[in-house]
Amino acid sequence: MPPTEQAEVWMALRDRMKENWAELTLQEKKAAYWIAFGAHGPRAQPPADENRKVALYTAIGVLVSLGIFTTMRAFAGPAPSTVTREYEEQSNEFLKNQRAEPLTGLSSEGYTGKGQIQSPPKH
């Protein structure tokens, strides 16, 4: 049904609904219900291939981001000298000598944390 005819039917039905609803025919009541609660607009059924499209576009996005990540890693320089276990251990010793954070940090009594060490141990 063309949109102009739909508008005409809706306007006629809207005028009929302003009167007593007991006088409406069963067809008019069904049409009013369909206009108000039918499977159109936000209650419309999703397209049949929507799940496939979502999965496809998600996979494409993950692959593109993986490609960008690997490209950046390929052209990146070497790790900085401060990202070695030895440097982190020396940083811990320096902080202990400086008495940094004496209440809860590295310099406190009974401290059991790792401090500045983040690198895995070398074998």
PDB file of N, CA and C in Angstrom:
ATOM      1  N   MET A   1       0.855  -1.170   0.000  1.00  0.00           N
ATOM      2  CA  MET A   1       0.000   0.000   0.000  1.00  0.00           C
ATOM      3  C   MET A   1       0.903   1.236   0.000  1.00  0.00           C
ATOM      4  N   PRO A   2       0.669   2.151  -0.910  1.00  0.00           N
ATOM      5  CA  PRO A   2       1.497   3.359  -0.974  1.00  0.00           C
ATOM      6  C   PRO A   2       1.347   4.204   0.297  1.00  0.00           C
ATOM      7  N   PRO A   3       2.367   4.978   0.617  1.00  0.00           N
ATOM      8  CA  PRO A   3       2.314   5.790   1.843  1.00  0.00           C
ATOM      9  C   PRO A   3       1.149   6.777   1.867  1.00  0.00           C
ATOM     10  N   THR A   4       0.741   7.294   0.717  1.00  0.00           N
ATOM     11  CA  THR A   4      -0.383   8.241   0.714  1.00  0.00           C
ATOM     12  C   THR A   4      -1.673   7.542   1.110  1.00  0.00           C
ATOM     13  N   GLU A   5      -1.874   6.319   0.614  1.00  0.00           N
ATOM     14  CA  GLU A   5      -3.074   5.565   1.001  1.00  0.00           C
ATOM     15  C   GLU A   5      -3.021   5.195   2.476  1.00  0.00           C
ATOM     16  N   GLN A   6      -1.836   4.830   2.954  1.00  0.00           N
ATOM     17  CA  GLN A   6      -1.693   4.504   4.372  1.00  0.00           C
ATOM     18  C   GLN A   6      -2.070   5.701   5.237  1.00  0.00           C
ATOM     19  N   ALA A   7      -1.631   6.880   4.827  1.00  0.00           N
ATOM     20  CA  ALA A   7      -1.951   8.089   5.587  1.00  0.00           C
ATOM     21  C   ALA A   7      -3.445   8.358   5.570  1.00  0.00           C
ATOM     22  N   GLU A   8      -4.085   8.162   4.419  1.00  0.00           N
ATOM     23  CA  GLU A   8      -5.531   8.387   4.329  1.00  0.00           C
ATOM     24  C   GLU A   8      -6.288   7.426   5.235  1.00  0.00           C
ATOM     25  N   VAL A   9      -5.903   6.143   5.211  1.00  0.00           N
ATOM     26  CA  VAL A   9      -6.570   5.150   6.058  1.00  0.00           C
ATOM     27  C   VAL A   9      -6.357   5.501   7.528  1.00  0.00           C
ATOM     28  N   TRP A  10      -5.140   5.886   7.880  1.00  0.00           N
ATOM     29  CA  TRP A  10      -4.850   6.234   9.268  1.00  0.00           C
ATOM     30  C   TRP A  10      -5.656   7.443   9.706  1.00  0.00           C
ATOM     31  N   MET A  11      -5.774   8.458   8.853  1.00  0.00           N
ATOM     32  CA  MET A  11      -6.543   9.660   9.212  1.00  0.00           C
ATOM     33  C   MET A  11      -8.017   9.314   9.398  1.00  0.00           C
ATOM     34  N   ALA A  12      -8.564   8.505   8.509  1.00  0.00           N
ATOM     35  CA  ALA A  12      -9.970   8.113   8.638  1.00  0.00           C
ATOM     36  C   ALA A  12     -10.173   7.311   9.923  1.00  0.00           C
ATOM     37  N   LEU A  13      -9.269   6.395  10.191  1.00  0.00           N
ATOM     38  CA  LEU A  13      -9.386   5.590  11.404  1.00  0.00           C
ATOM     39  C   LEU A  13      -9.212   6.449  12.650  1.00  0.00           C
ATOM     40  N   ARG A  14      -8.306   7.416  12.597  1.00  0.00           N
ATOM     41  CA  ARG A  14      -8.097   8.303  13.740  1.00  0.00           C
ATOM     42  C   ARG A  14      -9.369   9.094  14.045  1.00  0.00           C
ATOM     43  N   ASP A  15     -10.054   9.559  12.994  1.00  0.00           N
ATOM     44  CA  ASP A  15     -11.309  10.289  13.205  1.00  0.00           C
ATOM     45  C   ASP A  15     -12.377   9.381  13.795  1.00  0.00           C
ATOM     46  N   ARG A  16     -12.417   8.111  13.354  1.00  0.00           N
ATOM     47  CA  ARG A  16     -13.408   7.171  13.892  1.00  0.00           C
ATOM     48  C   ARG A  16     -13.106   6.841  15.358  1.00  0.00           C
ATOM     49  N   MET A  17     -11.838   6.817  15.734  1.00  0.00           N
ATOM     50  CA  MET A  17     -11.480   6.461  17.108  1.00  0.00           C
ATOM     51  C   MET A  17     -11.803   7.578  18.088  1.00  0.00           C
ATOM     52  N   LYS A  18     -12.049   8.778  17.602  1.00  0.00           N
ATOM     53  CA  LYS A  18     -12.405   9.882  18.492  1.00  0.00           C
ATOM     54  C   LYS A  18     -13.826   9.723  19.012  1.00  0.00           C
ATOM     55  N   GLU A  19     -14.616   8.922  18.317  1.00  0.00           N
ATOM     56  CA  GLU A  19     -16.001   8.682  18.736  1.00  0.00           C
ATOM     57  C   GLU A  19     -16.039   7.507  19.705  1.00  0.00           C
ATOM     58  N   ASN A  20     -17.237   7.006  19.976  1.00  0.00           N
ATOM     59  CA  ASN A  20     -17.424   5.892  20.891  1.00  0.00           C
ATOM     60  C   ASN A  20     -16.810   4.624  20.286  1.00  0.00           C
ATOM     61  N   TRP A  21     -15.944   3.956  21.049  1.00  0.00           N
ATOM     62  CA  TRP A  21     -15.265   2.774  20.529  1.00  0.00           C
ATOM     63  C   TRP A  21     -16.219   1.584  20.387  1.00  0.00           C
ATOM     64  N   ALA A  22     -17.339   1.617  21.081  1.00  0.00           N
ATOM     65  CA  ALA A  22     -18.310   0.529  20.950  1.00  0.00           C
ATOM     66  C   ALA A  22     -18.932   0.528  19.558  1.00  0.00           C
ATOM     67  N   GLU A  23     -18.911   1.660  18.886  1.00  0.00           N
ATOM     68  CA  GLU A  23     -19.490   1.746  17.544  1.00  0.00           C
ATOM     69  C   GLU A  23     -18.506   1.319  16.455  1.00  0.00           C
ATOM     70  N   LEU A  24     -17.238   1.119  16.798  1.00  0.00           N
ATOM     71  CA  LEU A  24     -16.260   0.692  15.801  1.00  0.00           C
ATOM     72  C   LEU A  24     -16.512  -0.754  15.389  1.00  0.00           C
ATOM     73  N   THR A  25     -16.276  -1.048  14.140  1.00  0.00           N
ATOM     74  CA  THR A  25     -16.410  -2.427  13.676  1.00  0.00           C
ATOM     75  C   THR A  25     -15.191  -3.219  14.139  1.00  0.00           C
ATOM     76  N   LEU A  26     -15.305  -4.534  14.038  1.00  0.00           N
ATOM     77  CA  LEU A  26     -14.200  -5.390  14.443  1.00  0.00           C
ATOM     78  C   LEU A  26     -12.971  -5.126  13.574  1.00  0.00           C
ATOM     79  N   GLN A  27     -13.188  -4.894  12.281  1.00  0.00           N
ATOM     80  CA  GLN A  27     -12.066  -4.605  11.387  1.00  0.00           C
ATOM     81  C   GLN A  27     -11.372  -3.300  11.787  1.00  0.00           C
ATOM     82  N   GLU A  28     -12.140  -2.291  12.165  1.00  0.00           N
ATOM     83  CA  GLU A  28     -11.546  -1.013  12.571  1.00  0.00           C
ATOM     84  C   GLU A  28     -10.754  -1.167  13.872  1.00  0.00           C
ATOM     85  N   LYS A  29     -11.284  -1.976  14.798  1.00  0.00           N
ATOM     86  CA  LYS A  29     -10.559  -2.227  16.045  1.00  0.00           C
ATOM     87  C   LYS A  29      -9.249  -2.964  15.771  1.00  0.00           C
ATOM     88  N   LYS A  30      -9.294  -3.960  14.867  1.00  0.00           N
ATOM     89  CA  LYS A  30      -8.073  -4.687  14.515  1.00  0.00           C
ATOM     90  C   LYS A  30      -7.068  -3.762  13.838  1.00  0.00           C
ATOM     91  N   ALA A  31      -7.559  -2.879  12.980  1.00  0.00           N
ATOM     92  CA  ALA A  31      -6.666  -1.941  12.294  1.00  0.00           C
ATOM     93  C   ALA A  31      -6.035  -0.973  13.298  1.00  0.00           C
ATOM     94  N   ALA A  32      -6.824  -0.504  14.263  1.00  0.00           N
ATOM     95  CA  ALA A  32      -6.290   0.410  15.274  1.00  0.00           C
ATOM     96  C   ALA A  32      -5.225  -0.292  16.122  1.00  0.00           C
ATOM     97  N   TYR A  33      -5.491  -1.555  16.467  1.00  0.00           N
ATOM     98  CA  TYR A  33      -4.507  -2.310  17.236  1.00  0.00           C
ATOM     99  C   TYR A  33      -3.230  -2.490  16.425  1.00  0.00           C
ATOM    100  N   TRP A  34      -3.368  -2.833  15.145  1.00  0.00           N
ATOM    101  CA  TRP A  34      -2.194  -3.041  14.291  1.00  0.00           C
ATOM    102  C   TRP A  34      -1.375  -1.763  14.160  1.00  0.00           C
ATOM    103  N   ILE A  35      -2.053  -0.635  14.016  1.00  0.00           N
ATOM    104  CA  ILE A  35      -1.340   0.640  13.891  1.00  0.00           C
ATOM    105  C   ILE A  35      -0.580   0.945  15.180  1.00  0.00           C
ATOM    106  N   ALA A  36      -1.197   0.644  16.320  1.00  0.00           N
ATOM    107  CA  ALA A  36      -0.557   0.955  17.599  1.00  0.00           C
ATOM    108  C   ALA A  36       0.520  -0.063  17.978  1.00  0.00           C
ATOM    109  N   PHE A  37       0.257  -1.349  17.752  1.00  0.00           N
ATOM    110  CA  PHE A  37       1.145  -2.387  18.278  1.00  0.00           C
ATOM    111  C   PHE A  37       1.648  -3.364  17.224  1.00  0.00           C
ATOM    112  N   GLY A  38       1.523  -3.049  15.964  1.00  0.00           N
ATOM    113  CA  GLY A  38       1.930  -3.961  14.893  1.00  0.00           C
ATOM    114  C   GLY A  38       3.428  -4.149  14.810  1.00  0.00           C
ATOM    115  N   ALA A  39       3.809  -5.123  13.998  1.00  0.00           N
ATOM    116  CA  ALA A  39       5.232  -5.444  13.832  1.00  0.00           C
ATOM    117  C   ALA A  39       5.862  -4.504  12.816  1.00  0.00           C
ATOM    118  N   HIS A  40       5.924  -3.253  13.166  1.00  0.00           N
ATOM    119  CA  HIS A  40       6.559  -2.244  12.320  1.00  0.00           C
ATOM    120  C   HIS A  40       7.272  -1.264  13.226  1.00  0.00           C
ATOM    121  N   GLY A  41       8.174  -0.495  12.656  1.00  0.00           N
ATOM    122  CA  GLY A  41       8.949   0.452  13.460  1.00  0.00           C
ATOM    123  C   GLY A  41       9.860  -0.286  14.419  1.00  0.00           C
ATOM    124  N   PRO A  42       9.852   0.079  15.706  1.00  0.00           N
ATOM    125  CA  PRO A  42      10.771  -0.557  16.649  1.00  0.00           C
ATOM    126  C   PRO A  42      10.422  -2.023  16.937  1.00  0.00           C
ATOM    127  N   ARG A  43       9.202  -2.451  16.632  1.00  0.00           N
ATOM    128  CA  ARG A  43       8.813  -3.843  16.878  1.00  0.00           C
ATOM    129  C   ARG A  43       8.953  -4.712  15.634  1.00  0.00           C
ATOM    130  N   ALA A  44       9.552  -4.188  14.600  1.00  0.00           N
ATOM    131  CA  ALA A  44       9.723  -4.954  13.365  1.00  0.00           C
ATOM    132  C   ALA A  44      10.732  -6.080  13.579  1.00  0.00           C
ATOM    133  N   GLN A  45      10.560  -7.153  12.851  1.00  0.00           N
ATOM    134  CA  GLN A  45      11.487  -8.277  12.925  1.00  0.00           C
ATOM    135  C   GLN A  45      12.821  -7.874  12.304  1.00  0.00           C
ATOM    136  N   PRO A  46      13.927  -8.294  12.891  1.00  0.00           N
ATOM    137  CA  PRO A  46      15.229  -7.967  12.289  1.00  0.00           C
ATOM    138  C   PRO A  46      15.390  -8.704  10.963  1.00  0.00           C
ATOM    139  N   PRO A  47      16.214  -8.181  10.078  1.00  0.00           N
ATOM    140  CA  PRO A  47      16.446  -8.867   8.806  1.00  0.00           C
ATOM    141  C   PRO A  47      16.997 -10.278   9.038  1.00  0.00           C
ATOM    142  N   ALA A  48      16.739 -11.158   8.095  1.00  0.00           N
ATOM    143  CA  ALA A  48      17.120 -12.567   8.257  1.00  0.00           C
ATOM    144  C   ALA A  48      18.632 -12.750   8.372  1.00  0.00           C
ATOM    145  N   ASP A  49      19.418 -11.937   7.706  1.00  0.00           N
ATOM    146  CA  ASP A  49      20.867 -12.121   7.707  1.00  0.00           C
ATOM    147  C   ASP A  49      21.594 -11.207   8.692  1.00  0.00           C
ATOM    148  N   GLU A  50      20.881 -10.668   9.672  1.00  0.00           N
ATOM    149  CA  GLU A  50      21.502  -9.724  10.600  1.00  0.00           C
ATOM    150  C   GLU A  50      22.603 -10.380  11.440  1.00  0.00           C
ATOM    151  N   ASN A  51      22.365 -11.586  11.945  1.00  0.00           N
ATOM    152  CA  ASN A  51      23.375 -12.259  12.778  1.00  0.00           C
ATOM    153  C   ASN A  51      24.643 -12.534  11.985  1.00  0.00           C
ATOM    154  N   ARG A  52      24.490 -12.944  10.733  1.00  0.00           N
ATOM    155  CA  ARG A  52      25.647 -13.217   9.889  1.00  0.00           C
ATOM    156  C   ARG A  52      26.441 -11.941   9.645  1.00  0.00           C
ATOM    157  N   LYS A  53      25.738 -10.839   9.412  1.00  0.00           N
ATOM    158  CA  LYS A  53      26.422  -9.562   9.179  1.00  0.00           C
ATOM    159  C   LYS A  53      27.178  -9.106  10.427  1.00  0.00           C
ATOM    160  N   VAL A  54      26.563  -9.246  11.585  1.00  0.00           N
ATOM    161  CA  VAL A  54      27.224  -8.843  12.833  1.00  0.00           C
ATOM    162  C   VAL A  54      28.492  -9.670  13.040  1.00  0.00           C
ATOM    163  N   ALA A  55      28.400 -10.984  12.840  1.00  0.00           N
ATOM    164  CA  ALA A  55      29.576 -11.843  13.011  1.00  0.00           C
ATOM    165  C   ALA A  55      30.658 -11.493  11.990  1.00  0.00           C
ATOM    166  N   LEU A  56      30.258 -11.247  10.749  1.00  0.00           N
ATOM    167  CA  LEU A  56      31.223 -10.923   9.696  1.00  0.00           C
ATOM    168  C   LEU A  56      31.938  -9.612   9.990  1.00  0.00           C
ATOM    169  N   TYR A  57      31.184  -8.568  10.331  1.00  0.00           N
ATOM    170  CA  TYR A  57      31.802  -7.267  10.589  1.00  0.00           C
ATOM    171  C   TYR A  57      32.656  -7.292  11.858  1.00  0.00           C
ATOM    172  N   THR A  58      32.258  -8.084  12.847  1.00  0.00           N
ATOM    173  CA  THR A  58      33.078  -8.226  14.046  1.00  0.00           C
ATOM    174  C   THR A  58      34.403  -8.906  13.706  1.00  0.00           C
ATOM    175  N   ALA A  59      34.332  -9.968  12.909  1.00  0.00           N
ATOM    176  CA  ALA A  59      35.559 -10.661  12.501  1.00  0.00           C
ATOM    177  C   ALA A  59      36.460  -9.741  11.682  1.00  0.00           C
ATOM    178  N   ILE A  60      35.874  -8.962  10.789  1.00  0.00           N
ATOM    179  CA  ILE A  60      36.662  -8.018   9.993  1.00  0.00           C
ATOM    180  C   ILE A  60      37.338  -6.996  10.904  1.00  0.00           C
ATOM    181  N   GLY A  61      36.603  -6.470  11.879  1.00  0.00           N
ATOM    182  CA  GLY A  61      37.176  -5.495  12.810  1.00  0.00           C
ATOM    183  C   GLY A  61      38.325  -6.076  13.611  1.00  0.00           C
ATOM    184  N   VAL A  62      38.169  -7.316  14.076  1.00  0.00           N
ATOM    185  CA  VAL A  62      39.237  -7.956  14.850  1.00  0.00           C
ATOM    186  C   VAL A  62      40.463  -8.186  13.970  1.00  0.00           C
ATOM    187  N   LEU A  63      40.250  -8.642  12.739  1.00  0.00           N
ATOM    188  CA  LEU A  63      41.382  -8.880  11.833  1.00  0.00           C
ATOM    189  C   LEU A  63      42.107  -7.585  11.474  1.00  0.00           C
ATOM    190  N   VAL A  64      41.349  -6.514  11.236  1.00  0.00           N
ATOM    191  CA  VAL A  64      41.981  -5.225  10.923  1.00  0.00           C
ATOM    192  C   VAL A  64      42.796  -4.733  12.114  1.00  0.00           C
ATOM    193  N   SER A  65      42.234  -4.827  13.315  1.00  0.00           N
ATOM    194  CA  SER A  65      42.978  -4.369  14.493  1.00  0.00           C
ATOM    195  C   SER A  65      44.209  -5.239  14.737  1.00  0.00           C
ATOM    196  N   LEU A  66      44.112  -6.542  14.481  1.00  0.00           N
ATOM    197  CA  LEU A  66      45.274  -7.417  14.609  1.00  0.00           C
ATOM    198  C   LEU A  66      46.342  -7.042  13.585  1.00  0.00           C
ATOM    199  N   GLY A  67      45.921  -6.711  12.369  1.00  0.00           N
ATOM    200  CA  GLY A  67      46.865  -6.277  11.337  1.00  0.00           C
ATOM    201  C   GLY A  67      47.567  -4.989  11.720  1.00  0.00           C
ATOM    202  N   ILE A  68      46.820  -4.038  12.252  1.00  0.00           N
ATOM    203  CA  ILE A  68      47.420  -2.772  12.697  1.00  0.00           C
ATOM    204  C   ILE A  68      48.412  -3.031  13.829  1.00  0.00           C
ATOM    205  N   PHE A  69      48.025  -3.883  14.768  1.00  0.00           N
ATOM    206  CA  PHE A  69      48.900  -4.197  15.900  1.00  0.00           C
ATOM    207  C   PHE A  69      50.200  -4.833  15.431  1.00  0.00           C
ATOM    208  N   THR A  70      50.112  -5.837  14.558  1.00  0.00           N
ATOM    209  CA  THR A  70      51.332  -6.510  14.106  1.00  0.00           C
ATOM    210  C   THR A  70      52.198  -5.583  13.265  1.00  0.00           C
ATOM    211  N   THR A  71      51.584  -4.706  12.479  1.00  0.00           N
ATOM    212  CA  THR A  71      52.361  -3.744  11.693  1.00  0.00           C
ATOM    213  C   THR A  71      53.115  -2.791  12.615  1.00  0.00           C
ATOM    214  N   MET A  72      52.446  -2.305  13.646  1.00  0.00           N
ATOM    215  CA  MET A  72      53.111  -1.397  14.580  1.00  0.00           C
ATOM    216  C   MET A  72      54.239  -2.106  15.321  1.00  0.00           C
ATOM    217  N   ARG A  73      54.027  -3.360  15.700  1.00  0.00           N
ATOM    218  CA  ARG A  73      55.080  -4.111  16.387  1.00  0.00           C
ATOM    219  C   ARG A  73      56.271  -4.362  15.468  1.00  0.00           C
ATOM    220  N   ALA A  74      56.000  -4.556  14.172  1.00  0.00           N
ATOM    221  CA  ALA A  74      57.081  -4.836  13.224  1.00  0.00           C
ATOM    222  C   ALA A  74      57.979  -3.620  13.034  1.00  0.00           C
ATOM    223  N   PHE A  75      57.395  -2.427  13.060  1.00  0.00           N
ATOM    224  CA  PHE A  75      58.169  -1.209  12.826  1.00  0.00           C
ATOM    225  C   PHE A  75      58.626  -0.528  14.114  1.00  0.00           C
ATOM    226  N   ALA A  76      58.294  -1.110  15.262  1.00  0.00           N
ATOM    227  CA  ALA A  76      58.683  -0.502  16.539  1.00  0.00           C
ATOM    228  C   ALA A  76      60.162  -0.738  16.800  1.00  0.00           C
ATOM    229  N   GLY A  77      60.726   0.158  17.558  1.00  0.00           N
ATOM    230  CA  GLY A  77      62.132   0.024  17.934  1.00  0.00           C
ATOM    231  C   GLY A  77      62.290  -0.983  19.060  1.00  0.00           C
ATOM    232  N   PRO A  78      63.513  -1.184  19.514  1.00  0.00           N
ATOM    233  CA  PRO A  78      63.737  -2.119  20.618  1.00  0.00           C
ATOM    234  C   PRO A  78      63.162  -1.558  21.921  1.00  0.00           C
ATOM    235  N   ALA A  79      62.989  -2.447  22.876  1.00  0.00           N
ATOM    236  CA  ALA A  79      62.458  -2.028  24.175  1.00  0.00           C
ATOM    237  C   ALA A  79      63.448  -1.081  24.841  1.00  0.00           C
ATOM    238  N   PRO A  80      62.966  -0.092  25.590  1.00  0.00           N
ATOM    239  CA  PRO A  80      63.881   0.830  26.262  1.00  0.00           C
ATOM    240  C   PRO A  80      64.721   0.104  27.314  1.00  0.00           C
ATOM    241  N   SER A  81      65.824   0.715  27.666  1.00  0.00           N
ATOM    242  CA  SER A  81      66.743   0.082  28.620  1.00  0.00           C
ATOM    243  C   SER A  81      66.149  -0.004  30.019  1.00  0.00           C
ATOM    244  N   THR A  82      65.108   0.732  30.278  1.00  0.00           N
ATOM    245  CA  THR A  82      64.498   0.717  31.611  1.00  0.00           C
ATOM    246  C   THR A  82      63.484  -0.408  31.757  1.00  0.00           C
ATOM    247  N   VAL A  83      63.337  -1.244  30.759  1.00  0.00           N
ATOM    248  CA  VAL A  83      62.382  -2.338  30.834  1.00  0.00           C
ATOM    249  C   VAL A  83      63.135  -3.660  30.969  1.00  0.00           C
ATOM    250  N   THR A  84      64.165  -3.668  31.761  1.00  0.00           N
ATOM    251  CA  THR A  84      64.899  -4.903  32.048  1.00  0.00           C
ATOM    252  C   THR A  84      64.763  -5.214  33.524  1.00  0.00           C
ATOM    253  N   ARG A  85      64.890  -6.467  33.853  1.00  0.00           N
ATOM    254  CA  ARG A  85      64.752  -6.880  35.251  1.00  0.00           C
ATOM    255  C   ARG A  85      65.841  -6.250  36.118  1.00  0.00           C
ATOM    256  N   GLU A  86      67.048  -6.158  35.587  1.00  0.00           N
ATOM    257  CA  GLU A  86      68.155  -5.581  36.358  1.00  0.00           C
ATOM    258  C   GLU A  86      67.871  -4.121  36.709  1.00  0.00           C
ATOM    259  N   TYR A  87      67.358  -3.362  35.749  1.00  0.00           N
ATOM    260  CA  TYR A  87      67.051  -1.949  35.990  1.00  0.00           C
ATOM    261  C   TYR A  87      65.958  -1.823  37.051  1.00  0.00           C
ATOM    262  N   GLU A  88      64.942  -2.690  36.976  1.00  0.00           N
ATOM    263  CA  GLU A  88      63.854  -2.636  37.956  1.00  0.00           C
ATOM    264  C   GLU A  88      64.358  -2.993  39.354  1.00  0.00           C
ATOM    265  N   GLU A  89      65.262  -3.974  39.446  1.00  0.00           N
ATOM    266  CA  GLU A  89      65.831  -4.318  40.753  1.00  0.00           C
ATOM    267  C   GLU A  89      66.669  -3.170  41.308  1.00  0.00           C
ATOM    268  N   GLN A  90      67.419  -2.498  40.434  1.00  0.00           N
ATOM    269  CA  GLN A  90      68.198  -1.337  40.876  1.00  0.00           C
ATOM    270  C   GLN A  90      67.267  -0.207  41.321  1.00  0.00           C
ATOM    271  N   SER A  91      66.125  -0.060  40.647  1.00  0.00           N
ATOM    272  CA  SER A  91      65.150   0.959  41.057  1.00  0.00           C
ATOM    273  C   SER A  91      64.610   0.638  42.441  1.00  0.00           C
ATOM    274  N   ASN A  92      64.370  -0.639  42.723  1.00  0.00           N
ATOM    275  CA  ASN A  92      63.917  -1.035  44.056  1.00  0.00           C
ATOM    276  C   ASN A  92      64.960  -0.667  45.111  1.00  0.00           C
ATOM    277  N   GLU A  93      66.215  -0.967  44.848  1.00  0.00           N
ATOM    278  CA  GLU A  93      67.280  -0.639  45.798  1.00  0.00           C
ATOM    279  C   GLU A  93      67.388   0.867  46.003  1.00  0.00           C
ATOM    280  N   PHE A  94      67.272   1.622  44.924  1.00  0.00           N
ATOM    281  CA  PHE A  94      67.339   3.083  45.026  1.00  0.00           C
ATOM    282  C   PHE A  94      66.205   3.607  45.901  1.00  0.00           C
ATOM    283  N   LEU A  95      64.979   3.094  45.679  1.00  0.00           N
ATOM    284  CA  LEU A  95      63.835   3.553  46.475  1.00  0.00           C
ATOM    285  C   LEU A  95      63.994   3.164  47.943  1.00  0.00           C
ATOM    286  N   LYS A  96      64.558   1.985  48.224  1.00  0.00           N
ATOM    287  CA  LYS A  96      64.797   1.587  49.614  1.00  0.00           C
ATOM    288  C   LYS A  96      65.813   2.521  50.272  1.00  0.00           C
ATOM    289  N   ASN A  97      66.879   2.857  49.538  1.00  0.00           N
ATOM    290  CA  ASN A  97      67.903   3.758  50.084  1.00  0.00           C
ATOM    291  C   ASN A  97      67.349   5.159  50.309  1.00  0.00           C
ATOM    292  N   GLN A  98      66.415   5.585  49.485  1.00  0.00           N
ATOM    293  CA  GLN A  98      65.821   6.914  49.614  1.00  0.00           C
ATOM    294  C   GLN A  98      64.678   6.927  50.633  1.00  0.00           C
ATOM    295  N   ARG A  99      64.309   5.765  51.157  1.00  0.00           N
ATOM    296  CA  ARG A  99      63.185   5.630  52.103  1.00  0.00           C
ATOM    297  C   ARG A  99      61.892   6.176  51.494  1.00  0.00           C
ATOM    298  N   ALA A 100      61.631   5.805  50.258  1.00  0.00           N
ATOM    299  CA  ALA A 100      60.410   6.237  49.577  1.00  0.00           C
ATOM    300  C   ALA A 100      59.217   5.465  50.141  1.00  0.00           C
ATOM    301  N   GLU A 101      58.138   6.158  50.401  1.00  0.00           N
ATOM    302  CA  GLU A 101      56.912   5.590  50.960  1.00  0.00           C
ATOM    303  C   GLU A 101      57.189   4.737  52.192  1.00  0.00           C
ATOM    304  N   PRO A 102      57.598   5.341  53.291  1.00  0.00           N
ATOM    305  CA  PRO A 102      57.979   4.566  54.474  1.00  0.00           C
ATOM    306  C   PRO A 102      56.800   3.913  55.198  1.00  0.00           C
ATOM    307  N   LEU A 103      55.572   4.332  54.923  1.00  0.00           N
ATOM    308  CA  LEU A 103      54.434   3.764  55.651  1.00  0.00           C
ATOM    309  C   LEU A 103      53.898   2.493  54.996  1.00  0.00           C
ATOM    310  N   THR A 104      53.706   2.525  53.681  1.00  0.00           N
ATOM    311  CA  THR A 104      53.098   1.370  53.021  1.00  0.00           C
ATOM    312  C   THR A 104      53.913   0.856  51.849  1.00  0.00           C
ATOM    313  N   GLY A 105      54.930   1.566  51.429  1.00  0.00           N
ATOM    314  CA  GLY A 105      55.653   1.213  50.213  1.00  0.00           C
ATOM    315  C   GLY A 105      56.849   0.323  50.437  1.00  0.00           C
ATOM    316  N   LEU A 106      57.772   0.423  49.511  1.00  0.00           N
ATOM    317  CA  LEU A 106      58.958  -0.422  49.457  1.00  0.00           C
ATOM    318  C   LEU A 106      59.813  -0.310  50.714  1.00  0.00           C
ATOM    319  N   SER A 107      59.840   0.850  51.336  1.00  0.00           N
ATOM    320  CA  SER A 107      60.700   1.083  52.505  1.00  0.00           C
ATOM    321  C   SER A 107      60.044   0.681  53.816  1.00  0.00           C
ATOM    322  N   SER A 108      58.787   0.301  53.800  1.00  0.00           N
ATOM    323  CA  SER A 108      58.103  -0.019  55.051  1.00  0.00           C
ATOM    324  C   SER A 108      58.562  -1.379  55.578  1.00  0.00           C
ATOM    325  N   GLU A 109      58.368  -1.571  56.884  1.00  0.00           N
ATOM    326  CA  GLU A 109      58.754  -2.839  57.502  1.00  0.00           C
ATOM    327  C   GLU A 109      57.788  -3.927  57.056  1.00  0.00           C
ATOM    328  N   GLY A 110      58.310  -5.078  56.741  1.00  0.00           N
ATOM    329  CA  GLY A 110      57.473  -6.214  56.371  1.00  0.00           C
ATOM    330  C   GLY A 110      56.873  -6.123  54.978  1.00  0.00           C
ATOM    331  N   TYR A 111      57.422  -5.284  54.121  1.00  0.00           N
ATOM    332  CA  TYR A 111      56.889  -5.145  52.757  1.00  0.00           C
ATOM    333  C   TYR A 111      57.153  -6.433  51.982  1.00  0.00           C
ATOM    334  N   THR A 112      56.115  -6.978  51.347  1.00  0.00           N
ATOM    335  CA  THR A 112      56.264  -8.247  50.631  1.00  0.00           C
ATOM    336  C   THR A 112      55.954  -8.127  49.142  1.00  0.00           C
ATOM    337  N   GLY A 113      55.669  -6.936  48.660  1.00  0.00           N
ATOM    338  CA  GLY A 113      55.331  -6.760  47.248  1.00  0.00           C
ATOM    339  C   GLY A 113      56.537  -6.847  46.337  1.00  0.00           C
ATOM    340  N   LYS A 114      56.298  -6.674  45.041  1.00  0.00           N
ATOM    341  CA  LYS A 114      57.372  -6.759  44.047  1.00  0.00           C
ATOM    342  C   LYS A 114      58.055  -5.422  43.829  1.00  0.00           C
ATOM    343  N   GLY A 115      57.451  -4.348  44.288  1.00  0.00           N
ATOM    344  CA  GLY A 115      58.041  -3.033  44.073  1.00  0.00           C
ATOM    345  C   GLY A 115      57.936  -2.618  42.618  1.00  0.00           C
ATOM    346  N   GLN A 116      59.066  -2.259  42.009  1.00  0.00           N
ATOM    347  CA  GLN A 116      59.093  -1.790  40.627  1.00  0.00           C
ATOM    348  C   GLN A 116      59.248  -2.927  39.617  1.00  0.00           C
ATOM    349  N   ILE A 117      59.392  -4.145  40.072  1.00  0.00           N
ATOM    350  CA  ILE A 117      59.664  -5.264  39.165  1.00  0.00           C
ATOM    351  C   ILE A 117      58.388  -5.675  38.438  1.00  0.00           C
ATOM    352  N   GLN A 118      58.455  -5.599  37.101  1.00  0.00           N
ATOM    353  CA  GLN A 118      57.342  -6.017  36.255  1.00  0.00           C
ATOM    354  C   GLN A 118      57.777  -7.049  35.228  1.00  0.00           C
ATOM    355  N   SER A 119      59.045  -7.070  34.897  1.00  0.00           N
ATOM    356  CA  SER A 119      59.554  -7.978  33.871  1.00  0.00           C
ATOM    357  C   SER A 119      59.631  -9.395  34.412  1.00  0.00           C
ATOM    358  N   PRO A 120      59.410 -10.386  33.549  1.00  0.00           N
ATOM    359  CA  PRO A 120      59.550 -11.769  34.010  1.00  0.00           C
ATOM    360  C   PRO A 120      61.021 -12.099  34.239  1.00  0.00           C
ATOM    361  N   PRO A 121      61.310 -13.057  35.097  1.00  0.00           N
ATOM    362  CA  PRO A 121      62.712 -13.406  35.343  1.00  0.00           C
ATOM    363  C   PRO A 121      63.338 -14.033  34.099  1.00  0.00           C
ATOM    364  N   LYS A 122      64.633 -13.768  33.909  1.00  0.00           N
ATOM    365  CA  LYS A 122      65.349 -14.350  32.773  1.00  0.00           C
ATOM    366  C   LYS A 122      65.846 -15.733  33.164  1.00  0.00           C
ATOM    367  N   HIS A 123      65.787 -16.653  32.247  1.00  0.00           N
ATOM    368  CA  HIS A 123      66.218 -18.032  32.518  1.00  0.00           C
ATOM    369  C   HIS A 123      67.616 -18.248  32.043  1.00  0.00           C
TER     370      HIS A 123
END
